[in-house]
Amino acid sequence: MGRRSHLIRNIMALTIILLGTTGLLSASRTVSSQMIHIWAYIPPATMIEVADDGEVDFTSNIYSASLNVSPRSDSTTLLSVIAL
């Protein structure tokens, strides 16, 4: 009986050691970083919205795009958009 309990105790100790070692190994992380270059084509888009009150909202993904608002008379306004 003494030999069997000694064997069970050794197996339990070995199991605990293996579980502890496995836990420590899985807890350690390797951190690395890499640079990824993504090339994509973004089509040009320019949008102009004129509200009922006359306010103009101009958005564009073209860096050289411009909007010029010129009042011509009491009822006429000229919108000039340049997006090259």
Protein backbone atom coordinates (compact mmCIF):
# COMPACT_ATOMS: atom_id res chain seq x y z
CA MET A 1 0.00 0.00 0.00
CA GLY A 2 2.86 2.37 0.75
CA ARG A 3 4.36 1.91 -2.65
CA ARG A 4 1.04 2.60 -4.40
CA SER A 5 0.41 5.84 -2.46
CA HIS A 6 3.99 6.92 -3.20
CA LEU A 7 3.37 6.31 -6.93
CA ILE A 8 0.08 8.24 -6.86
CA ARG A 9 1.79 11.12 -5.03
CA ASN A 10 4.58 11.21 -7.64
CA ILE A 11 2.08 11.16 -10.51
CA MET A 12 0.09 14.02 -8.93
CA ALA A 13 3.28 16.05 -8.36
CA LEU A 14 4.38 15.44 -11.94
CA THR A 15 0.94 16.46 -13.23
CA ILE A 16 1.02 19.67 -11.19
CA ILE A 17 4.53 20.49 -12.43
CA LEU A 18 3.54 19.84 -16.05
CA LEU A 19 0.41 21.98 -15.74
CA GLY A 20 2.40 24.79 -14.14
CA THR A 21 5.10 24.65 -16.79
CA THR A 22 2.54 24.60 -19.60
CA GLY A 23 0.78 27.60 -18.08
CA LEU A 24 4.02 29.55 -17.85
CA LEU A 25 4.99 28.72 -21.42
CA SER A 26 1.60 29.73 -22.80
CA ALA A 27 1.62 32.96 -20.76
CA SER A 28 4.83 34.21 -22.34
CA ARG A 29 4.12 36.09 -25.55
CA THR A 30 6.32 37.03 -28.43
CA VAL A 31 5.60 40.55 -29.62
CA SER A 32 6.72 41.54 -33.08
CA SER A 33 5.75 44.26 -35.49
CA GLN A 34 5.84 44.37 -39.24
CA MET A 35 5.27 47.10 -41.80
CA ILE A 36 2.56 46.43 -44.37
CA HIS A 37 2.31 48.62 -47.47
CA ILE A 38 -1.16 48.74 -49.02
CA TRP A 39 -1.51 50.26 -52.45
CA ALA A 40 -5.00 51.23 -53.56
CA TYR A 41 -6.64 53.49 -56.09
CA ILE A 42 -9.09 55.97 -54.62
CA PRO A 43 -11.18 57.52 -57.38
CA PRO A 44 -11.59 61.28 -57.25
CA ALA A 45 -14.84 62.49 -55.75
CA THR A 46 -16.13 66.03 -55.37
CA MET A 47 -19.51 66.79 -53.85
CA ILE A 48 -21.36 70.09 -53.59
CA GLU A 49 -24.58 70.48 -51.63
CA VAL A 50 -26.55 73.71 -51.57
CA ALA A 51 -29.06 74.05 -48.75
CA ASP A 52 -32.38 75.90 -49.05
CA ASP A 53 -30.92 78.82 -47.10
CA GLY A 54 -28.05 79.15 -49.62
CA GLU A 55 -25.32 77.58 -47.51
CA VAL A 56 -22.85 75.59 -49.62
CA ASP A 57 -21.22 72.37 -48.37
CA PHE A 58 -18.18 71.40 -50.47
CA THR A 59 -16.23 68.16 -49.94
CA SER A 60 -13.55 66.63 -52.13
CA ASN A 61 -10.73 64.13 -51.86
CA ILE A 62 -8.76 66.07 -54.50
CA TYR A 63 -6.25 68.29 -52.72
CA SER A 64 -6.29 70.95 -55.47
CA ALA A 65 -10.09 71.21 -55.74
CA SER A 66 -11.54 74.61 -55.05
CA LEU A 67 -14.95 76.25 -54.96
CA ASN A 68 -15.67 79.90 -55.67
CA VAL A 69 -19.06 81.45 -54.88
CA SER A 70 -19.70 84.77 -56.61
CA PRO A 71 -22.98 86.69 -56.24
CA ARG A 72 -23.84 88.22 -59.64
CA SER A 73 -27.15 89.93 -58.93
CA ASP A 74 -29.93 89.76 -56.39
CA SER A 75 -31.21 86.42 -57.71
CA THR A 76 -28.12 84.91 -59.36
CA THR A 77 -25.07 83.27 -57.76
CA LEU A 78 -22.25 81.73 -59.75
CA LEU A 79 -20.63 78.56 -58.40
CA SER A 80 -17.25 77.86 -59.96
CA VAL A 81 -15.64 74.48 -59.18
CA ILE A 82 -12.09 73.57 -60.23
CA ALA A 83 -11.07 69.96 -59.55
CA LEU A 84 -8.01 68.91 -61.52
